[in-house]
Amino acid sequence: MMKIQEIRELIKLVDQSSIDEIEIENDGSIIKMKKQSGVTLVETPLVTNVPTQQVVQAPVAQPVVAEVKQEAEQVQPQAIADENLHKIVSPMVGTFYQSPSPDSGAYVKVGSKVQPDSVVCIVEAMKLFNEIEAEVEGEIVEILVNDGQLVEYGQPLFLVKSK
């Protein structure tokens, strides 16, 4: 039986393509999709030996989201503790990298001095590598995310003690 996410992706692909109708058979279940005036219909006949819906991903996804929120909540009280610290935040959603390549050293470490135009990390979004600058003169006090971690728009990445 196909997972709900797979069906959603299939609907998007069919919707964006020039295909008007498609029928897919997978593990005893049949999925038929037909475009009619811009609306995509999905029909899934019931298979007697398979329950109508098993939501396997939802329980798995919930704890992961909760863990991420807990990490963010743990970071924020530290950032607020010292008002002299400047937060360098992510300007976009993407993947955080401390160095320009896996073989290279990190742009900055705790204790590194930075200028406003100093590159402190890269955030990859849609296969584009965006260099993030410090935008303030000072010293890196704390790195708030791990290399290769997904970051959200506005998420603090570094704490800088500005001069």
N, C-alpha and C. Protein backbone atom coordinates (compact mmCIF):
# COMPACT_ATOMS: atom_id res chain seq x y z
N MET A 1 0.85 -1.19 0.00
CA MET A 1 0.00 0.00 0.00
C MET A 1 0.89 1.25 0.00
N MET A 2 0.56 2.21 -0.84
CA MET A 2 1.35 3.43 -0.93
C MET A 2 1.11 4.30 0.30
N LYS A 3 2.13 5.01 0.70
CA LYS A 3 2.02 5.93 1.83
C LYS A 3 1.34 7.21 1.37
N ILE A 4 0.75 7.91 2.30
CA ILE A 4 0.03 9.14 1.99
C ILE A 4 0.95 10.16 1.32
N GLN A 5 2.16 10.28 1.79
CA GLN A 5 3.11 11.24 1.21
C GLN A 5 3.42 10.89 -0.24
N GLU A 6 3.55 9.60 -0.53
CA GLU A 6 3.81 9.16 -1.91
C GLU A 6 2.63 9.51 -2.81
N ILE A 7 1.42 9.35 -2.30
CA ILE A 7 0.22 9.68 -3.08
C ILE A 7 0.16 11.18 -3.34
N ARG A 8 0.47 11.98 -2.33
CA ARG A 8 0.48 13.44 -2.50
C ARG A 8 1.49 13.86 -3.56
N GLU A 9 2.68 13.28 -3.52
CA GLU A 9 3.70 13.60 -4.51
C GLU A 9 3.25 13.20 -5.91
N LEU A 10 2.59 12.06 -6.00
CA LEU A 10 2.08 11.59 -7.28
C LEU A 10 1.02 12.55 -7.82
N ILE A 11 0.15 13.03 -6.95
CA ILE A 11 -0.88 13.99 -7.35
C ILE A 11 -0.23 15.26 -7.90
N LYS A 12 0.79 15.75 -7.21
CA LYS A 12 1.49 16.96 -7.67
C LYS A 12 2.12 16.74 -9.05
N LEU A 13 2.76 15.59 -9.23
CA LEU A 13 3.40 15.29 -10.52
C LEU A 13 2.38 15.23 -11.65
N VAL A 14 1.26 14.57 -11.40
CA VAL A 14 0.23 14.45 -12.42
C VAL A 14 -0.36 15.83 -12.71
N ASP A 15 -0.60 16.60 -11.66
CA ASP A 15 -1.17 17.94 -11.81
C ASP A 15 -0.27 18.84 -12.65
N GLN A 16 1.04 18.73 -12.48
CA GLN A 16 1.99 19.58 -13.19
C GLN A 16 2.29 19.06 -14.60
N SER A 17 1.91 17.84 -14.89
CA SER A 17 2.22 17.26 -16.20
C SER A 17 1.05 17.45 -17.16
N SER A 18 1.27 16.99 -18.39
CA SER A 18 0.21 17.06 -19.40
C SER A 18 -0.64 15.79 -19.41
N ILE A 19 -0.38 14.88 -18.48
CA ILE A 19 -1.15 13.63 -18.39
C ILE A 19 -2.56 13.95 -17.90
N ASP A 20 -3.58 13.36 -18.57
CA ASP A 20 -4.96 13.58 -18.15
C ASP A 20 -5.49 12.48 -17.25
N GLU A 21 -4.92 11.27 -17.40
CA GLU A 21 -5.43 10.13 -16.63
C GLU A 21 -4.30 9.14 -16.40
N ILE A 22 -4.27 8.54 -15.18
CA ILE A 22 -3.24 7.55 -14.86
C ILE A 22 -3.85 6.52 -13.92
N GLU A 23 -3.40 5.26 -14.07
CA GLU A 23 -3.83 4.18 -13.19
C GLU A 23 -2.59 3.43 -12.73
N ILE A 24 -2.45 3.26 -11.42
CA ILE A 24 -1.27 2.59 -10.86
C ILE A 24 -1.74 1.46 -9.96
N GLU A 25 -1.14 0.28 -10.14
CA GLU A 25 -1.43 -0.85 -9.27
C GLU A 25 -0.18 -1.13 -8.45
N ASN A 26 -0.35 -1.20 -7.12
CA ASN A 26 0.79 -1.38 -6.23
C ASN A 26 0.34 -2.23 -5.04
N ASP A 27 0.93 -3.39 -4.86
CA ASP A 27 0.64 -4.28 -3.72
C ASP A 27 -0.85 -4.56 -3.54
N GLY A 28 -1.55 -4.82 -4.63
CA GLY A 28 -2.95 -5.17 -4.53
C GLY A 28 -3.91 -4.01 -4.49
N SER A 29 -3.45 -2.80 -4.40
CA SER A 29 -4.35 -1.64 -4.42
C SER A 29 -4.17 -0.91 -5.74
N ILE A 30 -5.24 -0.31 -6.21
CA ILE A 30 -5.22 0.41 -7.48
C ILE A 30 -5.54 1.87 -7.22
N ILE A 31 -4.73 2.75 -7.79
CA ILE A 31 -4.95 4.19 -7.68
C ILE A 31 -5.22 4.72 -9.08
N LYS A 32 -6.36 5.38 -9.25
CA LYS A 32 -6.73 5.98 -10.53
C LYS A 32 -6.83 7.48 -10.32
N MET A 33 -6.20 8.24 -11.20
CA MET A 33 -6.28 9.69 -11.14
C MET A 33 -6.70 10.20 -12.50
N LYS A 34 -7.58 11.17 -12.48
CA LYS A 34 -8.11 11.73 -13.73
C LYS A 34 -8.27 13.23 -13.54
N LYS A 35 -7.73 13.99 -14.49
CA LYS A 35 -7.88 15.44 -14.44
C LYS A 35 -9.21 15.82 -15.07
N GLN A 36 -9.94 16.68 -14.39
CA GLN A 36 -11.18 17.20 -14.95
C GLN A 36 -11.28 18.67 -14.56
N SER A 37 -11.21 19.54 -15.52
CA SER A 37 -11.30 20.98 -15.33
C SER A 37 -10.39 21.48 -14.20
N GLY A 38 -9.14 21.03 -14.21
CA GLY A 38 -8.16 21.52 -13.24
C GLY A 38 -8.23 20.84 -11.88
N VAL A 39 -9.13 19.88 -11.67
CA VAL A 39 -9.26 19.19 -10.39
C VAL A 39 -8.74 17.78 -10.55
N THR A 40 -7.92 17.32 -9.62
CA THR A 40 -7.38 15.97 -9.66
C THR A 40 -8.19 15.10 -8.71
N LEU A 41 -8.74 14.01 -9.22
CA LEU A 41 -9.52 13.09 -8.41
C LEU A 41 -8.68 11.87 -8.09
N VAL A 42 -8.82 11.36 -6.88
CA VAL A 42 -8.09 10.16 -6.49
C VAL A 42 -9.10 9.14 -6.01
N GLU A 43 -9.06 7.97 -6.60
CA GLU A 43 -9.93 6.88 -6.18
C GLU A 43 -9.04 5.73 -5.72
N THR A 44 -9.32 5.17 -4.56
CA THR A 44 -8.57 4.01 -4.09
C THR A 44 -9.56 2.94 -3.63
N PRO A 45 -9.76 1.90 -4.44
CA PRO A 45 -10.65 0.81 -4.03
C PRO A 45 -10.10 0.13 -2.78
N LEU A 46 -11.00 -0.30 -1.93
CA LEU A 46 -10.59 -0.97 -0.70
C LEU A 46 -10.11 -2.38 -1.02
N VAL A 47 -9.03 -2.77 -0.38
CA VAL A 47 -8.52 -4.13 -0.48
C VAL A 47 -8.92 -4.80 0.83
N THR A 48 -9.54 -5.96 0.76
CA THR A 48 -10.13 -6.58 1.94
C THR A 48 -9.13 -6.94 3.02
N ASN A 49 -7.91 -7.29 2.66
CA ASN A 49 -6.96 -7.71 3.68
C ASN A 49 -6.10 -6.57 4.21
N VAL A 50 -6.31 -5.35 3.72
CA VAL A 50 -5.53 -4.21 4.17
C VAL A 50 -6.48 -3.19 4.82
N PRO A 51 -6.20 -2.70 6.04
CA PRO A 51 -7.05 -1.68 6.64
C PRO A 51 -7.12 -0.44 5.73
N THR A 52 -8.22 0.31 5.82
CA THR A 52 -8.42 1.44 4.92
C THR A 52 -7.32 2.48 5.03
N GLN A 53 -6.91 2.80 6.23
CA GLN A 53 -5.81 3.76 6.40
C GLN A 53 -4.97 3.37 7.60
N GLN A 54 -3.70 3.28 7.37
CA GLN A 54 -2.77 3.10 8.46
C GLN A 54 -1.84 4.29 8.45
N VAL A 55 -1.91 5.10 9.47
CA VAL A 55 -1.04 6.27 9.53
C VAL A 55 0.18 5.86 10.32
N VAL A 56 1.22 5.50 9.58
CA VAL A 56 2.45 5.05 10.21
C VAL A 56 3.39 6.22 10.42
N GLN A 57 3.38 7.15 9.46
CA GLN A 57 4.33 8.25 9.53
C GLN A 57 3.99 9.28 10.60
N ALA A 58 2.71 9.53 10.84
CA ALA A 58 2.34 10.59 11.77
C ALA A 58 2.95 10.40 13.16
N PRO A 59 2.83 9.22 13.78
CA PRO A 59 3.46 9.07 15.09
C PRO A 59 4.98 9.24 15.04
N VAL A 60 5.59 8.83 13.94
CA VAL A 60 7.04 8.95 13.83
C VAL A 60 7.42 10.42 13.67
N ALA A 61 6.65 11.17 12.89
CA ALA A 61 6.99 12.57 12.63
C ALA A 61 6.79 13.44 13.85
N GLN A 62 5.78 13.17 14.67
CA GLN A 62 5.49 14.01 15.82
C GLN A 62 6.67 14.13 16.79
N PRO A 63 7.28 13.02 17.25
CA PRO A 63 8.39 13.16 18.18
C PRO A 63 9.56 13.94 17.57
N VAL A 64 9.82 13.78 16.28
CA VAL A 64 10.92 14.49 15.65
C VAL A 64 10.68 15.99 15.72
N VAL A 65 9.46 16.43 15.40
CA VAL A 65 9.12 17.84 15.46
C VAL A 65 9.24 18.34 16.88
N ALA A 66 8.77 17.54 17.83
CA ALA A 66 8.84 17.95 19.23
C ALA A 66 10.30 18.12 19.67
N GLU A 67 11.18 17.22 19.23
CA GLU A 67 12.58 17.32 19.60
C GLU A 67 13.21 18.60 19.05
N VAL A 68 12.88 18.92 17.81
CA VAL A 68 13.45 20.12 17.19
C VAL A 68 12.98 21.35 17.95
N LYS A 69 11.71 21.39 18.31
CA LYS A 69 11.18 22.53 19.05
C LYS A 69 11.84 22.64 20.42
N GLN A 70 12.08 21.50 21.04
CA GLN A 70 12.73 21.53 22.35
C GLN A 70 14.14 22.09 22.22
N GLU A 71 14.87 21.71 21.16
CA GLU A 71 16.22 22.25 20.96
C GLU A 71 16.17 23.76 20.81
N ALA A 72 15.22 24.24 20.00
CA ALA A 72 15.11 25.68 19.78
C ALA A 72 14.76 26.39 21.07
N GLU A 73 13.90 25.78 21.88
CA GLU A 73 13.52 26.41 23.14
C GLU A 73 14.70 26.43 24.11
N GLN A 74 15.57 25.43 24.06
CA GLN A 74 16.73 25.42 24.93
C GLN A 74 17.73 26.50 24.54
N VAL A 75 17.83 26.77 23.24
CA VAL A 75 18.81 27.74 22.75
C VAL A 75 18.38 29.16 23.09
N GLN A 76 17.12 29.48 22.95
CA GLN A 76 16.65 30.84 23.11
C GLN A 76 16.90 31.43 24.50
N PRO A 77 16.68 30.71 25.60
CA PRO A 77 16.97 31.32 26.89
C PRO A 77 18.44 31.73 27.05
N GLN A 78 19.38 30.97 26.48
CA GLN A 78 20.78 31.34 26.54
C GLN A 78 21.03 32.64 25.77
N ALA A 79 20.39 32.76 24.62
CA ALA A 79 20.60 33.93 23.79
C ALA A 79 20.09 35.19 24.47
N ILE A 80 19.00 35.07 25.20
CA ILE A 80 18.42 36.23 25.86
C ILE A 80 19.20 36.59 27.13
N ALA A 81 19.95 35.64 27.69
CA ALA A 81 20.64 35.85 28.96
C ALA A 81 21.60 37.04 28.92
N ASP A 82 22.31 37.26 27.82
CA ASP A 82 23.26 38.37 27.72
C ASP A 82 22.82 39.30 26.61
N GLU A 83 22.36 40.47 26.96
CA GLU A 83 21.83 41.41 25.98
C GLU A 83 22.91 42.01 25.09
N ASN A 84 24.20 41.88 25.45
CA ASN A 84 25.29 42.41 24.64
C ASN A 84 25.63 41.50 23.47
N LEU A 85 24.99 40.34 23.40
CA LEU A 85 25.29 39.40 22.34
C LEU A 85 24.41 39.66 21.12
N HIS A 86 25.03 39.61 19.95
CA HIS A 86 24.32 39.77 18.68
C HIS A 86 24.06 38.38 18.11
N LYS A 87 22.85 38.14 17.62
CA LYS A 87 22.52 36.85 17.01
C LYS A 87 22.69 36.96 15.51
N ILE A 88 23.44 36.04 14.94
CA ILE A 88 23.48 35.90 13.49
C ILE A 88 22.43 34.85 13.17
N VAL A 89 21.41 35.25 12.39
CA VAL A 89 20.29 34.36 12.11
C VAL A 89 20.30 33.91 10.66
N SER A 90 19.64 32.79 10.42
CA SER A 90 19.54 32.26 9.05
C SER A 90 18.56 33.11 8.25
N PRO A 91 18.98 33.57 7.08
CA PRO A 91 18.08 34.37 6.25
C PRO A 91 17.12 33.52 5.42
N MET A 92 17.22 32.19 5.56
CA MET A 92 16.38 31.30 4.74
C MET A 92 16.32 29.92 5.37
N VAL A 93 15.44 29.10 4.85
CA VAL A 93 15.36 27.69 5.24
C VAL A 93 16.39 26.94 4.41
N GLY A 94 17.16 26.08 5.05
CA GLY A 94 18.16 25.32 4.31
C GLY A 94 19.01 24.46 5.23
N THR A 95 20.14 24.03 4.71
CA THR A 95 21.07 23.19 5.47
C THR A 95 22.30 24.01 5.83
N PHE A 96 22.67 23.98 7.11
CA PHE A 96 23.78 24.75 7.65
C PHE A 96 25.09 23.99 7.46
N TYR A 97 26.11 24.69 6.93
CA TYR A 97 27.45 24.11 6.80
C TYR A 97 28.47 25.09 7.37
N GLN A 98 29.39 24.57 8.20
CA GLN A 98 30.40 25.40 8.84
C GLN A 98 31.59 25.67 7.93
N SER A 99 31.76 24.87 6.88
CA SER A 99 32.94 25.03 6.02
C SER A 99 32.52 25.00 4.55
N PRO A 100 33.39 25.52 3.66
CA PRO A 100 33.05 25.55 2.24
C PRO A 100 33.03 24.17 1.58
N SER A 101 33.74 23.20 2.17
CA SER A 101 33.73 21.83 1.65
C SER A 101 34.06 20.89 2.81
N PRO A 102 33.73 19.60 2.66
CA PRO A 102 33.99 18.65 3.74
C PRO A 102 35.47 18.55 4.13
N ASP A 103 36.38 18.84 3.18
CA ASP A 103 37.81 18.74 3.45
C ASP A 103 38.37 20.00 4.11
N SER A 104 37.65 21.11 4.04
CA SER A 104 38.14 22.39 4.55
C SER A 104 37.78 22.57 6.02
N GLY A 105 38.50 23.48 6.66
CA GLY A 105 38.20 23.83 8.04
C GLY A 105 37.00 24.74 8.12
N ALA A 106 36.47 24.89 9.32
CA ALA A 106 35.29 25.74 9.53
C ALA A 106 35.65 27.21 9.29
N TYR A 107 34.66 27.98 8.81
CA TYR A 107 34.88 29.41 8.60
C TYR A 107 35.25 30.09 9.92
N VAL A 108 34.48 29.78 10.98
CA VAL A 108 34.75 30.36 12.30
C VAL A 108 34.56 29.30 13.38
N LYS A 109 35.20 29.54 14.51
CA LYS A 109 35.05 28.69 15.69
C LYS A 109 34.76 29.61 16.86
N VAL A 110 34.41 29.03 17.99
CA VAL A 110 34.20 29.83 19.20
C VAL A 110 35.52 30.54 19.50
N GLY A 111 35.46 31.85 19.69
CA GLY A 111 36.65 32.65 19.95
C GLY A 111 37.18 33.36 18.71
N SER A 112 36.67 33.03 17.53
CA SER A 112 37.12 33.68 16.29
C SER A 112 36.66 35.13 16.26
N LYS A 113 37.52 36.01 15.78
CA LYS A 113 37.18 37.43 15.59
C LYS A 113 36.54 37.57 14.21
N VAL A 114 35.47 38.34 14.11
CA VAL A 114 34.79 38.54 12.84
C VAL A 114 34.59 40.02 12.56
N GLN A 115 34.54 40.34 11.29
CA GLN A 115 34.22 41.67 10.79
C GLN A 115 32.83 41.60 10.16
N PRO A 116 32.20 42.74 9.89
CA PRO A 116 30.86 42.69 9.29
C PRO A 116 30.79 41.92 7.97
N ASP A 117 31.88 41.91 7.19
CA ASP A 117 31.87 41.21 5.91
C ASP A 117 32.49 39.80 5.99
N SER A 118 32.79 39.31 7.19
CA SER A 118 33.36 37.97 7.36
C SER A 118 32.30 36.90 7.09
N VAL A 119 32.64 35.91 6.26
CA VAL A 119 31.73 34.79 6.03
C VAL A 119 31.85 33.86 7.23
N VAL A 120 30.70 33.51 7.84
CA VAL A 120 30.71 32.66 9.02
C VAL A 120 30.21 31.24 8.74
N CYS A 121 29.43 31.08 7.66
CA CYS A 121 28.90 29.75 7.32
C CYS A 121 28.25 29.80 5.95
N ILE A 122 27.73 28.65 5.54
CA ILE A 122 26.96 28.54 4.29
C ILE A 122 25.62 27.92 4.65
N VAL A 123 24.55 28.45 4.03
CA VAL A 123 23.24 27.81 4.13
C VAL A 123 22.85 27.40 2.71
N GLU A 124 22.69 26.09 2.53
CA GLU A 124 22.31 25.57 1.22
C GLU A 124 20.79 25.52 1.12
N ALA A 125 20.27 26.13 0.06
CA ALA A 125 18.84 26.09 -0.19
C ALA A 125 18.63 25.84 -1.68
N MET A 126 17.92 24.80 -2.00
CA MET A 126 17.63 24.43 -3.39
C MET A 126 18.90 24.33 -4.24
N LYS A 127 19.90 23.68 -3.69
CA LYS A 127 21.19 23.43 -4.35
C LYS A 127 21.99 24.69 -4.63
N LEU A 128 21.63 25.79 -3.96
CA LEU A 128 22.41 27.02 -4.03
C LEU A 128 23.08 27.22 -2.69
N PHE A 129 24.39 27.49 -2.71
CA PHE A 129 25.15 27.67 -1.48
C PHE A 129 25.27 29.17 -1.21
N ASN A 130 24.62 29.62 -0.14
CA ASN A 130 24.55 31.03 0.21
C ASN A 130 25.50 31.33 1.37
N GLU A 131 26.49 32.19 1.13
CA GLU A 131 27.43 32.56 2.19
C GLU A 131 26.74 33.54 3.13
N ILE A 132 26.84 33.27 4.43
CA ILE A 132 26.24 34.13 5.44
C ILE A 132 27.35 34.93 6.09
N GLU A 133 27.17 36.25 6.14
CA GLU A 133 28.18 37.14 6.72
C GLU A 133 27.79 37.52 8.14
N ALA A 134 28.78 37.90 8.93
CA ALA A 134 28.58 38.23 10.34
C ALA A 134 27.72 39.48 10.53
N GLU A 135 27.88 40.49 9.68
CA GLU A 135 27.16 41.76 9.74
C GLU A 135 27.45 42.57 11.00
N VAL A 136 28.41 42.13 11.80
CA VAL A 136 28.79 42.85 13.01
C VAL A 136 30.25 42.53 13.32
N GLU A 137 30.94 43.47 13.95
CA GLU A 137 32.32 43.23 14.36
C GLU A 137 32.31 42.69 15.78
N GLY A 138 33.07 41.62 16.02
CA GLY A 138 33.10 41.05 17.36
C GLY A 138 33.76 39.69 17.41
N GLU A 139 33.38 38.92 18.42
CA GLU A 139 33.96 37.60 18.66
C GLU A 139 32.86 36.56 18.77
N ILE A 140 33.03 35.42 18.09
CA ILE A 140 32.06 34.33 18.15
C ILE A 140 32.09 33.74 19.57
N VAL A 141 30.93 33.77 20.23
CA VAL A 141 30.83 33.26 21.60
C VAL A 141 30.26 31.84 21.61
N GLU A 142 29.31 31.59 20.69
CA GLU A 142 28.67 30.28 20.68
C GLU A 142 28.15 29.96 19.27
N ILE A 143 28.28 28.68 18.88
CA ILE A 143 27.70 28.19 17.64
C ILE A 143 26.47 27.39 18.06
N LEU A 144 25.30 27.81 17.58
CA LEU A 144 24.04 27.27 18.08
C LEU A 144 23.49 26.09 17.29
N VAL A 145 24.09 25.77 16.14
CA VAL A 145 23.60 24.64 15.33
C VAL A 145 24.77 23.74 14.93
N ASN A 146 24.44 22.52 14.56
CA ASN A 146 25.46 21.55 14.16
C ASN A 146 25.64 21.55 12.65
N ASP A 147 26.81 21.16 12.21
CA ASP A 147 27.11 21.07 10.79
C ASP A 147 26.16 20.07 10.13
N GLY A 148 25.55 20.46 9.01
CA GLY A 148 24.63 19.58 8.29
C GLY A 148 23.21 19.62 8.80
N GLN A 149 22.93 20.46 9.80
CA GLN A 149 21.60 20.54 10.40
C GLN A 149 20.68 21.42 9.55
N LEU A 150 19.41 21.04 9.45
CA LEU A 150 18.43 21.87 8.78
C LEU A 150 18.10 23.07 9.66
N VAL A 151 18.05 24.26 9.06
CA VAL A 151 17.73 25.47 9.81
C VAL A 151 16.52 26.16 9.20
N GLU A 152 15.81 26.89 10.02
CA GLU A 152 14.62 27.62 9.60
C GLU A 152 14.95 29.09 9.37
N TYR A 153 14.08 29.79 8.68
CA TYR A 153 14.21 31.23 8.48
C TYR A 153 14.18 31.91 9.85
N GLY A 154 15.16 32.77 10.11
CA GLY A 154 15.21 33.52 11.37
C GLY A 154 15.79 32.76 12.55
N GLN A 155 16.19 31.52 12.35
CA GLN A 155 16.76 30.72 13.44
C GLN A 155 18.16 31.23 13.77
N PRO A 156 18.46 31.48 15.05
CA PRO A 156 19.80 31.92 15.43
C PRO A 156 20.84 30.84 15.13
N LEU A 157 21.97 31.25 14.50
CA LEU A 157 23.04 30.33 14.15
C LEU A 157 24.25 30.52 15.06
N PHE A 158 24.58 31.80 15.34
CA PHE A 158 25.75 32.15 16.14
C PHE A 158 25.39 33.24 17.13
N LEU A 159 26.15 33.29 18.23
CA LEU A 159 26.09 34.42 19.15
C LEU A 159 27.44 35.12 19.05
N VAL A 160 27.41 36.43 18.85
CA VAL A 160 28.63 37.22 18.70
C VAL A 160 28.64 38.31 19.77
N LYS A 161 29.76 38.39 20.48
CA LYS A 161 29.94 39.48 21.44
C LYS A 161 30.46 40.66 20.62
N SER A 162 29.59 41.64 20.39
CA SER A 162 29.97 42.77 19.54
C SER A 162 30.79 43.77 20.31
N LYS A 163 31.62 44.52 19.55
CA LYS A 163 32.48 45.52 20.17
C LYS A 163 31.76 46.81 20.39
